[in-house]
């Protein structure tokens, strides 16, 4: 019975090893394999947002930061006063607006199969991207994802940031953020794209000012129904300053990403251990089965066995 259990365990672990090893290999080729890059959750551009497909080349934080730097350098080189904080935040805002259109991006099986499977079995939101460089592999991103990317670009330049979350009664949640410079906080929302000109003319106020002035708030979000804007934005909460806005999701995704490439090694070691245990059990069973009982041979023959012996000798 014990051998039968070990045989079953070996088969199961072998299957898991083969699957995880092949999956790891496929992930290394996933970015260049069009069959593996199919994303069934792909969003569709609505032809309204400020999306520029040519910016898809900015597929890492480093490239996006360099792009913002180049635009800022061009403005500074052109002459005239250039206010770094306001100019650079505007450049980054426009860059992120143009880099993405709205839609949640998730890990496909070819990206992080451990995360994809766990989230499928538990909570789909676990698989929504939070790692900035992974978000930048897609042309679309949700409000939290666009904000995360822009916050990281600005933090690399020394800006302090904090997330701002909204919970409405009828339209679900929303995610934006604020940047601190010149002694105050300034509100940015790259996903819903409020009117930059209007906000800049007001000195780019924080969400507290906008929530207390609904006529300015609705004018800034003029592309959306007034009822929607007033349902989403008046109720808000701040996140901690200079903290990654989704720390648990970040840990989960980095851990599952590591496991997606390395868990096959765990199954290989487990297979070796179980296999050795099975072979030891087989050898022990074989040794026990080959033992033969040897009868005891007496060195002296008693007269009781051969009664004629004494008579013959006498």
C-alpha atoms as a PDB file:
ATOM      1  CA  UNK A   1       0.000   0.000   0.000  1.00  0.00           C
ATOM      2  CA  UNK A   2       2.837   2.376   0.880  1.00  0.00           C
ATOM      3  CA  UNK A   3       4.590   1.650  -2.397  1.00  0.00           C
ATOM      4  CA  UNK A   4       1.380   2.346  -4.263  1.00  0.00           C
ATOM      5  CA  UNK A   5       1.066   5.755  -2.592  1.00  0.00           C
ATOM      6  CA  UNK A   6       4.680   6.614  -3.449  1.00  0.00           C
ATOM      7  CA  UNK A   7       4.123   5.617  -7.083  1.00  0.00           C
ATOM      8  CA  UNK A   8       1.080   7.914  -7.252  1.00  0.00           C
ATOM      9  CA  UNK A   9       3.001  10.777  -5.646  1.00  0.00           C
ATOM     10  CA  UNK A  10       5.841  10.303  -8.132  1.00  0.00           C
ATOM     11  CA  UNK A  11       3.457  10.504 -11.070  1.00  0.00           C
ATOM     12  CA  UNK A  12       1.746  13.642  -9.735  1.00  0.00           C
ATOM     13  CA  UNK A  13       5.032  15.396  -8.964  1.00  0.00           C
ATOM     14  CA  UNK A  14       6.454  14.398 -12.352  1.00  0.00           C
ATOM     15  CA  UNK A  15       3.451  15.915 -14.108  1.00  0.00           C
ATOM     16  CA  UNK A  16       3.816  19.129 -12.076  1.00  0.00           C
ATOM     17  CA  UNK A  17       7.535  19.266 -12.837  1.00  0.00           C
ATOM     18  CA  UNK A  18       7.041  18.826 -16.589  1.00  0.00           C
ATOM     19  CA  UNK A  19       4.230  21.388 -16.700  1.00  0.00           C
ATOM     20  CA  UNK A  20       6.089  24.017 -14.657  1.00  0.00           C
ATOM     21  CA  UNK A  21       9.338  23.486 -16.577  1.00  0.00           C
ATOM     22  CA  UNK A  22       7.631  23.876 -19.952  1.00  0.00           C
ATOM     23  CA  UNK A  23       5.676  26.881 -18.677  1.00  0.00           C
ATOM     24  CA  UNK A  24       8.918  28.552 -17.564  1.00  0.00           C
ATOM     25  CA  UNK A  25      10.457  27.976 -20.995  1.00  0.00           C
ATOM     26  CA  UNK A  26       7.349  29.375 -22.694  1.00  0.00           C
ATOM     27  CA  UNK A  27       7.527  32.501 -20.531  1.00  0.00           C
ATOM     28  CA  UNK A  28      11.048  33.164 -21.767  1.00  0.00           C
ATOM     29  CA  UNK A  29       9.719  33.104 -25.347  1.00  0.00           C
ATOM     30  CA  UNK A  30       6.303  34.586 -24.580  1.00  0.00           C
ATOM     31  CA  UNK A  31       7.180  38.144 -25.585  1.00  0.00           C
ATOM     32  CA  UNK A  32       8.231  36.969 -29.044  1.00  0.00           C
ATOM     33  CA  UNK A  33       5.588  34.292 -29.529  1.00  0.00           C
ATOM     34  CA  UNK A  34       2.388  35.801 -30.987  1.00  0.00           C
ATOM     35  CA  UNK A  35       0.313  32.770 -29.977  1.00  0.00           C
ATOM     36  CA  UNK A  36       1.252  33.289 -26.344  1.00  0.00           C
ATOM     37  CA  UNK A  37       0.717  37.046 -26.415  1.00  0.00           C
ATOM     38  CA  UNK A  38      -3.028  36.709 -27.022  1.00  0.00           C
ATOM     39  CA  UNK A  39      -4.804  38.639 -24.282  1.00  0.00           C
ATOM     40  CA  UNK A  40      -8.487  37.786 -24.081  1.00  0.00           C
ATOM     41  CA  UNK A  41      -9.068  40.726 -21.747  1.00  0.00           C
ATOM     42  CA  UNK A  42      -7.805  43.298 -24.249  1.00  0.00           C
ATOM     43  CA  UNK A  43      -9.480  46.686 -23.993  1.00  0.00           C
ATOM     44  CA  UNK A  44     -10.667  48.591 -27.041  1.00  0.00           C
ATOM     45  CA  UNK A  45      -9.742  52.213 -27.678  1.00  0.00           C
ATOM     46  CA  UNK A  46     -12.787  54.500 -27.622  1.00  0.00           C
ATOM     47  CA  UNK A  47     -11.278  57.125 -29.983  1.00  0.00           C
ATOM     48  CA  UNK A  48     -11.946  59.831 -27.381  1.00  0.00           C
ATOM     49  CA  UNK A  49      -8.988  59.649 -25.029  1.00  0.00           C
ATOM     50  CA  UNK A  50      -5.650  61.296 -25.765  1.00  0.00           C
ATOM     51  CA  UNK A  51      -4.022  58.053 -26.887  1.00  0.00           C
ATOM     52  CA  UNK A  52      -0.977  58.068 -29.169  1.00  0.00           C
ATOM     53  CA  UNK A  53      -0.043  54.535 -30.351  1.00  0.00           C
ATOM     54  CA  UNK A  54       3.423  55.709 -31.392  1.00  0.00           C
ATOM     55  CA  UNK A  55       4.297  55.996 -27.689  1.00  0.00           C
ATOM     56  CA  UNK A  56       4.007  52.230 -27.212  1.00  0.00           C
ATOM     57  CA  UNK A  57       7.787  52.221 -27.676  1.00  0.00           C
ATOM     58  CA  UNK A  58       7.981  53.668 -24.142  1.00  0.00           C
ATOM     59  CA  UNK A  59       7.671  50.207 -22.595  1.00  0.00           C
ATOM     60  CA  UNK A  60       9.786  50.720 -19.453  1.00  0.00           C
ATOM     61  CA  UNK A  61       9.892  53.345 -16.728  1.00  0.00           C
ATOM     62  CA  UNK A  62      13.387  54.277 -17.836  1.00  0.00           C
ATOM     63  CA  UNK A  63      12.279  54.969 -21.404  1.00  0.00           C
ATOM     64  CA  UNK A  64       9.238  56.933 -20.257  1.00  0.00           C
ATOM     65  CA  UNK A  65      11.390  59.010 -17.915  1.00  0.00           C
ATOM     66  CA  UNK A  66      13.918  59.683 -20.670  1.00  0.00           C
ATOM     67  CA  UNK A  67      11.081  60.766 -22.968  1.00  0.00           C
ATOM     68  CA  UNK A  68       9.831  63.267 -20.358  1.00  0.00           C
ATOM     69  CA  UNK A  69      13.402  64.466 -19.797  1.00  0.00           C
ATOM     70  CA  UNK A  70      13.889  65.080 -23.519  1.00  0.00           C
ATOM     71  CA  UNK A  71      10.720  67.173 -23.787  1.00  0.00           C
ATOM     72  CA  UNK A  72      11.671  69.186 -20.720  1.00  0.00           C
ATOM     73  CA  UNK A  73      15.203  69.732 -22.076  1.00  0.00           C
ATOM     74  CA  UNK A  74      13.766  70.937 -25.392  1.00  0.00           C
ATOM     75  CA  UNK A  75      11.548  73.445 -23.593  1.00  0.00           C
ATOM     76  CA  UNK A  76      14.451  74.679 -21.480  1.00  0.00           C
ATOM     77  CA  UNK A  77      16.737  74.918 -24.525  1.00  0.00           C
ATOM     78  CA  UNK A  78      14.128  76.929 -26.422  1.00  0.00           C
ATOM     79  CA  UNK A  79      14.648  79.772 -23.995  1.00  0.00           C
ATOM     80  CA  UNK A  80      12.420  81.691 -21.619  1.00  0.00           C
ATOM     81  CA  UNK A  81      11.646  80.894 -17.974  1.00  0.00           C
ATOM     82  CA  UNK A  82      10.916  77.237 -17.304  1.00  0.00           C
ATOM     83  CA  UNK A  83       9.507  76.334 -13.910  1.00  0.00           C
ATOM     84  CA  UNK A  84      10.718  72.782 -13.311  1.00  0.00           C
ATOM     85  CA  UNK A  85       8.039  71.429 -10.950  1.00  0.00           C
ATOM     86  CA  UNK A  86       5.025  72.645 -12.866  1.00  0.00           C
ATOM     87  CA  UNK A  87       6.553  72.052 -16.299  1.00  0.00           C
ATOM     88  CA  UNK A  88       7.813  68.540 -15.582  1.00  0.00           C
ATOM     89  CA  UNK A  89       4.594  67.357 -13.921  1.00  0.00           C
ATOM     90  CA  UNK A  90       2.600  68.656 -16.908  1.00  0.00           C
ATOM     91  CA  UNK A  91       4.942  66.838 -19.294  1.00  0.00           C
ATOM     92  CA  UNK A  92       4.647  63.582 -17.348  1.00  0.00           C
ATOM     93  CA  UNK A  93       0.868  63.945 -17.163  1.00  0.00           C
ATOM     94  CA  UNK A  94       0.550  64.449 -20.896  1.00  0.00           C
ATOM     95  CA  UNK A  95       2.955  61.592 -21.598  1.00  0.00           C
ATOM     96  CA  UNK A  96       0.981  59.087 -19.500  1.00  0.00           C
ATOM     97  CA  UNK A  97      -2.348  60.293 -20.908  1.00  0.00           C
ATOM     98  CA  UNK A  98      -1.031  59.736 -24.413  1.00  0.00           C
ATOM     99  CA  UNK A  99       0.725  56.474 -23.589  1.00  0.00           C
ATOM    100  CA  UNK A 100      -2.426  54.617 -22.470  1.00  0.00           C
ATOM    101  CA  UNK A 101      -6.114  54.359 -23.107  1.00  0.00           C
ATOM    102  CA  UNK A 102      -8.459  53.061 -20.410  1.00  0.00           C
ATOM    103  CA  UNK A 103      -8.700  49.345 -19.650  1.00  0.00           C
ATOM    104  CA  UNK A 104      -7.449  46.923 -17.007  1.00  0.00           C
ATOM    105  CA  UNK A 105      -4.308  45.026 -17.977  1.00  0.00           C
ATOM    106  CA  UNK A 106      -3.723  41.576 -16.482  1.00  0.00           C
ATOM    107  CA  UNK A 107      -1.069  38.892 -16.551  1.00  0.00           C
ATOM    108  CA  UNK A 108      -1.617  36.345 -19.272  1.00  0.00           C
ATOM    109  CA  UNK A 109      -0.544  32.729 -18.700  1.00  0.00           C
ATOM    110  CA  UNK A 110       2.552  33.432 -20.804  1.00  0.00           C
ATOM    111  CA  UNK A 111       3.531  36.311 -18.491  1.00  0.00           C
ATOM    112  CA  UNK A 112       2.990  34.898 -15.011  1.00  0.00           C
ATOM    113  CA  UNK A 113       1.083  31.622 -15.024  1.00  0.00           C
ATOM    114  CA  UNK A 114       1.196  31.208 -11.221  1.00  0.00           C
ATOM    115  CA  UNK A 115      -0.531  34.568 -10.705  1.00  0.00           C
ATOM    116  CA  UNK A 116      -2.978  33.863 -13.531  1.00  0.00           C
ATOM    117  CA  UNK A 117      -4.047  30.514 -12.039  1.00  0.00           C
ATOM    118  CA  UNK A 118      -4.213  31.662  -8.414  1.00  0.00           C
ATOM    119  CA  UNK A 119      -6.294  34.715  -9.279  1.00  0.00           C
ATOM    120  CA  UNK A 120      -8.565  32.567 -11.445  1.00  0.00           C
ATOM    121  CA  UNK A 121      -9.259  30.302  -8.484  1.00  0.00           C
ATOM    122  CA  UNK A 122      -9.517  33.052  -5.851  1.00  0.00           C
ATOM    123  CA  UNK A 123      -9.846  36.739  -6.760  1.00  0.00           C
ATOM    124  CA  UNK A 124      -9.376  38.110 -10.323  1.00  0.00           C
ATOM    125  CA  UNK A 125      -8.123  41.458  -9.025  1.00  0.00           C
ATOM    126  CA  UNK A 126      -4.899  39.817  -7.838  1.00  0.00           C
ATOM    127  CA  UNK A 127      -3.877  39.479 -11.466  1.00  0.00           C
ATOM    128  CA  UNK A 128      -4.337  43.159 -12.387  1.00  0.00           C
ATOM    129  CA  UNK A 129      -0.871  44.573 -13.001  1.00  0.00           C
ATOM    130  CA  UNK A 130       0.785  46.835 -10.439  1.00  0.00           C
ATOM    131  CA  UNK A 131       4.465  46.458 -11.392  1.00  0.00           C
ATOM    132  CA  UNK A 132       5.138  49.600 -13.491  1.00  0.00           C
ATOM    133  CA  UNK A 133       7.331  47.968 -16.146  1.00  0.00           C
ATOM    134  CA  UNK A 134       4.733  45.242 -16.633  1.00  0.00           C
ATOM    135  CA  UNK A 135       1.963  47.841 -16.978  1.00  0.00           C
ATOM    136  CA  UNK A 136       4.023  49.570 -19.673  1.00  0.00           C
ATOM    137  CA  UNK A 137       4.006  46.416 -21.777  1.00  0.00           C
ATOM    138  CA  UNK A 138       0.362  47.175 -22.611  1.00  0.00           C
ATOM    139  CA  UNK A 139      -1.284  50.005 -24.531  1.00  0.00           C
ATOM    140  CA  UNK A 140      -4.142  50.230 -22.035  1.00  0.00           C
ATOM    141  CA  UNK A 141      -4.242  50.657 -18.273  1.00  0.00           C
ATOM    142  CA  UNK A 142      -6.848  51.366 -15.615  1.00  0.00           C
ATOM    143  CA  UNK A 143      -6.955  54.438 -13.382  1.00  0.00           C
ATOM    144  CA  UNK A 144      -4.790  52.879 -10.666  1.00  0.00           C
ATOM    145  CA  UNK A 145      -2.302  51.521 -13.197  1.00  0.00           C
ATOM    146  CA  UNK A 146      -1.857  54.824 -15.036  1.00  0.00           C
ATOM    147  CA  UNK A 147      -1.470  56.640 -11.719  1.00  0.00           C
ATOM    148  CA  UNK A 148       1.122  54.122 -10.493  1.00  0.00           C
ATOM    149  CA  UNK A 149       3.228  54.657 -13.624  1.00  0.00           C
ATOM    150  CA  UNK A 150       3.098  58.460 -13.396  1.00  0.00           C
ATOM    151  CA  UNK A 151       3.764  58.442  -9.643  1.00  0.00           C
ATOM    152  CA  UNK A 152       6.881  56.319 -10.174  1.00  0.00           C
ATOM    153  CA  UNK A 153       8.160  58.623 -12.934  1.00  0.00           C
ATOM    154  CA  UNK A 154       7.755  61.644 -10.663  1.00  0.00           C
ATOM    155  CA  UNK A 155       9.218  59.933  -7.606  1.00  0.00           C
ATOM    156  CA  UNK A 156      12.334  59.188  -9.673  1.00  0.00           C
ATOM    157  CA  UNK A 157      12.671  62.966 -10.083  1.00  0.00           C
ATOM    158  CA  UNK A 158      12.390  63.613  -6.369  1.00  0.00           C
ATOM    159  CA  UNK A 159       8.701  64.554  -6.154  1.00  0.00           C
ATOM    160  CA  UNK A 160       6.587  63.473  -3.194  1.00  0.00           C
ATOM    161  CA  UNK A 161       3.317  61.769  -4.140  1.00  0.00           C
ATOM    162  CA  UNK A 162       0.274  60.250  -2.462  1.00  0.00           C
ATOM    163  CA  UNK A 163      -2.636  58.288  -3.854  1.00  0.00           C
ATOM    164  CA  UNK A 164      -6.201  59.565  -3.724  1.00  0.00           C
ATOM    165  CA  UNK A 165      -8.991  56.991  -3.799  1.00  0.00           C
ATOM    166  CA  UNK A 166     -12.696  57.555  -4.406  1.00  0.00           C
ATOM    167  CA  UNK A 167     -15.702  55.381  -3.636  1.00  0.00           C
ATOM    168  CA  UNK A 168     -18.947  56.413  -5.280  1.00  0.00           C
ATOM    169  CA  UNK A 169     -22.457  55.121  -4.713  1.00  0.00           C
ATOM    170  CA  UNK A 170     -23.266  54.317  -8.324  1.00  0.00           C
ATOM    171  CA  UNK A 171     -20.010  54.189 -10.315  1.00  0.00           C
ATOM    172  CA  UNK A 172     -17.651  52.066  -8.237  1.00  0.00           C
ATOM    173  CA  UNK A 173     -14.195  53.239  -7.244  1.00  0.00           C
ATOM    174  CA  UNK A 174     -11.644  55.519  -8.831  1.00  0.00           C
ATOM    175  CA  UNK A 175      -7.930  56.118  -8.280  1.00  0.00           C
ATOM    176  CA  UNK A 176      -5.851  59.268  -8.865  1.00  0.00           C
ATOM    177  CA  UNK A 177      -3.031  60.984  -6.978  1.00  0.00           C
ATOM    178  CA  UNK A 178      -1.459  64.235  -5.831  1.00  0.00           C
ATOM    179  CA  UNK A 179       2.051  65.645  -6.178  1.00  0.00           C
ATOM    180  CA  UNK A 180       3.651  67.993  -3.663  1.00  0.00           C
ATOM    181  CA  UNK A 181       5.607  71.018  -4.811  1.00  0.00           C
ATOM    182  CA  UNK A 182       5.788  74.715  -3.976  1.00  0.00           C
ATOM    183  CA  UNK A 183       4.349  74.117  -0.533  1.00  0.00           C
ATOM    184  CA  UNK A 184       1.069  72.423  -1.537  1.00  0.00           C
ATOM    185  CA  UNK A 185      -0.488  69.322  -3.060  1.00  0.00           C
ATOM    186  CA  UNK A 186      -1.588  69.252  -6.716  1.00  0.00           C
ATOM    187  CA  UNK A 187      -4.151  66.834  -8.142  1.00  0.00           C
ATOM    188  CA  UNK A 188      -3.564  64.640 -11.234  1.00  0.00           C
ATOM    189  CA  UNK A 189      -5.844  62.121 -12.899  1.00  0.00           C
ATOM    190  CA  UNK A 190      -4.219  60.692 -16.068  1.00  0.00           C
ATOM    191  CA  UNK A 191      -6.987  58.160 -16.619  1.00  0.00           C
ATOM    192  CA  UNK A 192     -10.124  60.348 -16.642  1.00  0.00           C
ATOM    193  CA  UNK A 193      -8.161  63.235 -18.189  1.00  0.00           C
ATOM    194  CA  UNK A 194      -9.614  66.430 -16.670  1.00  0.00           C
ATOM    195  CA  UNK A 195      -9.049  69.708 -18.512  1.00  0.00           C
ATOM    196  CA  UNK A 196      -5.348  70.492 -17.992  1.00  0.00           C
ATOM    197  CA  UNK A 197      -5.660  74.083 -19.194  1.00  0.00           C
ATOM    198  CA  UNK A 198      -8.425  74.847 -16.708  1.00  0.00           C
ATOM    199  CA  UNK A 199      -6.592  73.251 -13.804  1.00  0.00           C
ATOM    200  CA  UNK A 200      -3.272  74.876 -14.678  1.00  0.00           C
ATOM    201  CA  UNK A 201      -4.904  78.295 -14.869  1.00  0.00           C
ATOM    202  CA  UNK A 202      -6.053  77.695 -11.297  1.00  0.00           C
ATOM    203  CA  UNK A 203      -2.551  76.703 -10.211  1.00  0.00           C
ATOM    204  CA  UNK A 204      -3.329  72.981 -10.402  1.00  0.00           C
ATOM    205  CA  UNK A 205      -5.325  72.751  -7.130  1.00  0.00           C
ATOM    206  CA  UNK A 206      -5.605  69.698  -4.901  1.00  0.00           C
ATOM    207  CA  UNK A 207      -8.648  67.467  -4.687  1.00  0.00           C
ATOM    208  CA  UNK A 208      -9.767  69.206  -1.485  1.00  0.00           C
ATOM    209  CA  UNK A 209     -10.248  72.472  -3.395  1.00  0.00           C
ATOM    210  CA  UNK A 210     -11.994  70.758  -6.297  1.00  0.00           C
ATOM    211  CA  UNK A 211     -14.372  68.818  -4.039  1.00  0.00           C
ATOM    212  CA  UNK A 212     -15.369  72.055  -2.301  1.00  0.00           C
ATOM    213  CA  UNK A 213     -16.005  73.780  -5.643  1.00  0.00           C
ATOM    214  CA  UNK A 214     -18.303  71.469  -7.628  1.00  0.00           C
ATOM    215  CA  UNK A 215     -18.722  73.975 -10.469  1.00  0.00           C
ATOM    216  CA  UNK A 216     -14.953  73.876 -11.120  1.00  0.00           C
ATOM    217  CA  UNK A 217     -14.876  70.104 -10.673  1.00  0.00           C
ATOM    218  CA  UNK A 218     -17.618  69.494 -13.223  1.00  0.00           C
ATOM    219  CA  UNK A 219     -16.055  71.990 -15.630  1.00  0.00           C
ATOM    220  CA  UNK A 220     -12.714  70.174 -15.390  1.00  0.00           C
ATOM    221  CA  UNK A 221     -14.430  66.838 -16.118  1.00  0.00           C
ATOM    222  CA  UNK A 222     -16.729  68.245 -18.777  1.00  0.00           C
ATOM    223  CA  UNK A 223     -16.494  65.072 -20.898  1.00  0.00           C
ATOM    224  CA  UNK A 224     -18.460  63.185 -18.260  1.00  0.00           C
ATOM    225  CA  UNK A 225     -22.050  63.644 -17.097  1.00  0.00           C
ATOM    226  CA  UNK A 226     -22.338  66.051 -14.187  1.00  0.00           C
ATOM    227  CA  UNK A 227     -24.108  63.420 -12.098  1.00  0.00           C
ATOM    228  CA  UNK A 228     -21.234  60.987 -12.584  1.00  0.00           C
ATOM    229  CA  UNK A 229     -18.590  63.523 -11.570  1.00  0.00           C
ATOM    230  CA  UNK A 230     -20.483  64.605  -8.470  1.00  0.00           C
ATOM    231  CA  UNK A 231     -21.035  60.969  -7.512  1.00  0.00           C
ATOM    232  CA  UNK A 232     -17.342  59.993  -7.773  1.00  0.00           C
ATOM    233  CA  UNK A 233     -15.185  62.869  -6.580  1.00  0.00           C
ATOM    234  CA  UNK A 234     -16.681  64.462  -3.428  1.00  0.00           C
ATOM    235  CA  UNK A 235     -15.865  61.407  -1.279  1.00  0.00           C
ATOM    236  CA  UNK A 236     -12.104  60.766  -1.237  1.00  0.00           C
ATOM    237  CA  UNK A 237      -9.308  59.410   0.949  1.00  0.00           C
ATOM    238  CA  UNK A 238      -5.561  60.066   0.919  1.00  0.00           C
ATOM    239  CA  UNK A 239      -2.893  57.393   0.944  1.00  0.00           C
ATOM    240  CA  UNK A 240       0.476  57.607   2.736  1.00  0.00           C
ATOM    241  CA  UNK A 241       3.139  59.857   1.242  1.00  0.00           C
ATOM    242  CA  UNK A 242       5.791  58.246  -0.964  1.00  0.00           C
ATOM    243  CA  UNK A 243       4.508  54.725  -0.351  1.00  0.00           C
ATOM    244  CA  UNK A 244       3.788  52.346  -3.189  1.00  0.00           C
ATOM    245  CA  UNK A 245      -0.015  52.420  -3.502  1.00  0.00           C
ATOM    246  CA  UNK A 246      -0.519  48.639  -3.746  1.00  0.00           C
ATOM    247  CA  UNK A 247       2.191  47.017  -1.566  1.00  0.00           C
ATOM    248  CA  UNK A 248       0.473  43.640  -1.039  1.00  0.00           C
ATOM    249  CA  UNK A 249      -0.309  43.214  -4.711  1.00  0.00           C
ATOM    250  CA  UNK A 250       3.280  44.149  -5.511  1.00  0.00           C
ATOM    251  CA  UNK A 251       4.635  41.442  -3.183  1.00  0.00           C
ATOM    252  CA  UNK A 252       2.165  38.878  -4.557  1.00  0.00           C
ATOM    253  CA  UNK A 253       3.028  39.585  -8.178  1.00  0.00           C
ATOM    254  CA  UNK A 254       6.793  39.640  -7.642  1.00  0.00           C
ATOM    255  CA  UNK A 255       6.600  36.384  -5.687  1.00  0.00           C
ATOM    256  CA  UNK A 256       4.437  34.613  -8.261  1.00  0.00           C
ATOM    257  CA  UNK A 257       6.620  35.959 -11.043  1.00  0.00           C
ATOM    258  CA  UNK A 258       9.661  34.409  -9.361  1.00  0.00           C
ATOM    259  CA  UNK A 259       7.789  31.127  -8.839  1.00  0.00           C
ATOM    260  CA  UNK A 260       6.674  31.068 -12.465  1.00  0.00           C
ATOM    261  CA  UNK A 261      10.310  30.801 -13.497  1.00  0.00           C
ATOM    262  CA  UNK A 262      11.641  28.684 -10.630  1.00  0.00           C
ATOM    263  CA  UNK A 263       8.953  26.443  -9.124  1.00  0.00           C
ATOM    264  CA  UNK A 264       9.943  23.617 -11.490  1.00  0.00           C
ATOM    265  CA  UNK A 265      13.156  23.306  -9.456  1.00  0.00           C
ATOM    266  CA  UNK A 266      11.136  22.659  -6.293  1.00  0.00           C
ATOM    267  CA  UNK A 267       9.164  19.911  -8.053  1.00  0.00           C
ATOM    268  CA  UNK A 268      12.392  18.402  -9.413  1.00  0.00           C
ATOM    269  CA  UNK A 269      13.913  18.211  -5.905  1.00  0.00           C
ATOM    270  CA  UNK A 270      10.672  16.784  -4.526  1.00  0.00           C
ATOM    271  CA  UNK A 271      10.611  14.181  -7.304  1.00  0.00           C
ATOM    272  CA  UNK A 272      14.184  13.112  -6.482  1.00  0.00           C
ATOM    273  CA  UNK A 273      13.372  12.810  -2.764  1.00  0.00           C
ATOM    274  CA  UNK A 274      10.205  10.764  -3.347  1.00  0.00           C
ATOM    275  CA  UNK A 275      11.975   8.590  -5.919  1.00  0.00           C
ATOM    276  CA  UNK A 276      14.809   7.770  -3.497  1.00  0.00           C
ATOM    277  CA  UNK A 277      12.336   6.926  -0.761  1.00  0.00           C
ATOM    278  CA  UNK A 278      10.478   4.635  -3.131  1.00  0.00           C
ATOM    279  CA  UNK A 279      13.670   2.847  -4.217  1.00  0.00           C
ATOM    280  CA  UNK A 280      14.737   2.336  -0.589  1.00  0.00           C
ATOM    281  CA  UNK A 281      11.350   0.770   0.134  1.00  0.00           C
ATOM    282  CA  UNK A 282      11.669  -1.501  -2.896  1.00  0.00           C
ATOM    283  CA  UNK A 283      15.157  -2.659  -1.894  1.00  0.00           C
ATOM    284  CA  UNK A 284      14.007  -3.302   1.663  1.00  0.00           C
ATOM    285  CA  UNK A 285      11.042  -5.355   0.456  1.00  0.00           C
ATOM    286  CA  UNK A 286      13.290  -7.328  -1.881  1.00  0.00           C
ATOM    287  CA  UNK A 287      15.785  -8.065   0.883  1.00  0.00           C
ATOM    288  CA  UNK A 288      13.059  -9.227   3.253  1.00  0.00           C
ATOM    289  CA  UNK A 289      11.530 -11.450   0.598  1.00  0.00           C
ATOM    290  CA  UNK A 290      14.845 -13.156  -0.265  1.00  0.00           C
ATOM    291  CA  UNK A 291      15.678 -14.280   3.304  1.00  0.00           C
ATOM    292  CA  UNK A 292      15.436 -18.133   3.769  1.00  0.00           C
ATOM    293  CA  UNK A 293      15.186 -19.803   7.179  1.00  0.00           C
ATOM    294  CA  UNK A 294      18.201 -22.119   7.740  1.00  0.00           C
ATOM    295  CA  UNK A 295      17.572 -25.169  10.081  1.00  0.00           C
ATOM    296  CA  UNK A 296      19.890 -25.603  13.080  1.00  0.00           C
ATOM    297  CA  UNK A 297      22.373 -28.498  12.800  1.00  0.00           C
ATOM    298  CA  UNK A 298      23.335 -30.147  16.079  1.00  0.00           C
ATOM    299  CA  UNK A 299      27.012 -31.001  16.606  1.00  0.00           C
ATOM    300  CA  UNK A 300      26.234 -34.031  18.783  1.00  0.00           C
ATOM    301  CA  UNK A 301      23.981 -36.907  17.872  1.00  0.00           C
ATOM    302  CA  UNK A 302      22.164 -38.242  20.878  1.00  0.00           C
ATOM    303  CA  UNK A 303      21.497 -41.947  21.466  1.00  0.00           C
ATOM    304  CA  UNK A 304      17.867 -41.115  21.652  1.00  0.00           C
ATOM    305  CA  UNK A 305      17.910 -40.402  17.928  1.00  0.00           C
ATOM    306  CA  UNK A 306      20.043 -43.411  17.048  1.00  0.00           C
ATOM    307  CA  UNK A 307      19.395 -45.973  19.758  1.00  0.00           C
ATOM    308  CA  UNK A 308      21.462 -48.639  18.012  1.00  0.00           C
ATOM    309  CA  UNK A 309      24.639 -46.675  18.248  1.00  0.00           C
ATOM    310  CA  UNK A 310      25.448 -47.543  21.901  1.00  0.00           C
ATOM    311  CA  UNK A 311      24.567 -51.184  21.416  1.00  0.00           C
ATOM    312  CA  UNK A 312      26.872 -51.458  18.441  1.00  0.00           C
ATOM    313  CA  UNK A 313      29.763 -49.887  20.305  1.00  0.00           C
ATOM    314  CA  UNK A 314      29.425 -51.975  23.435  1.00  0.00           C
END
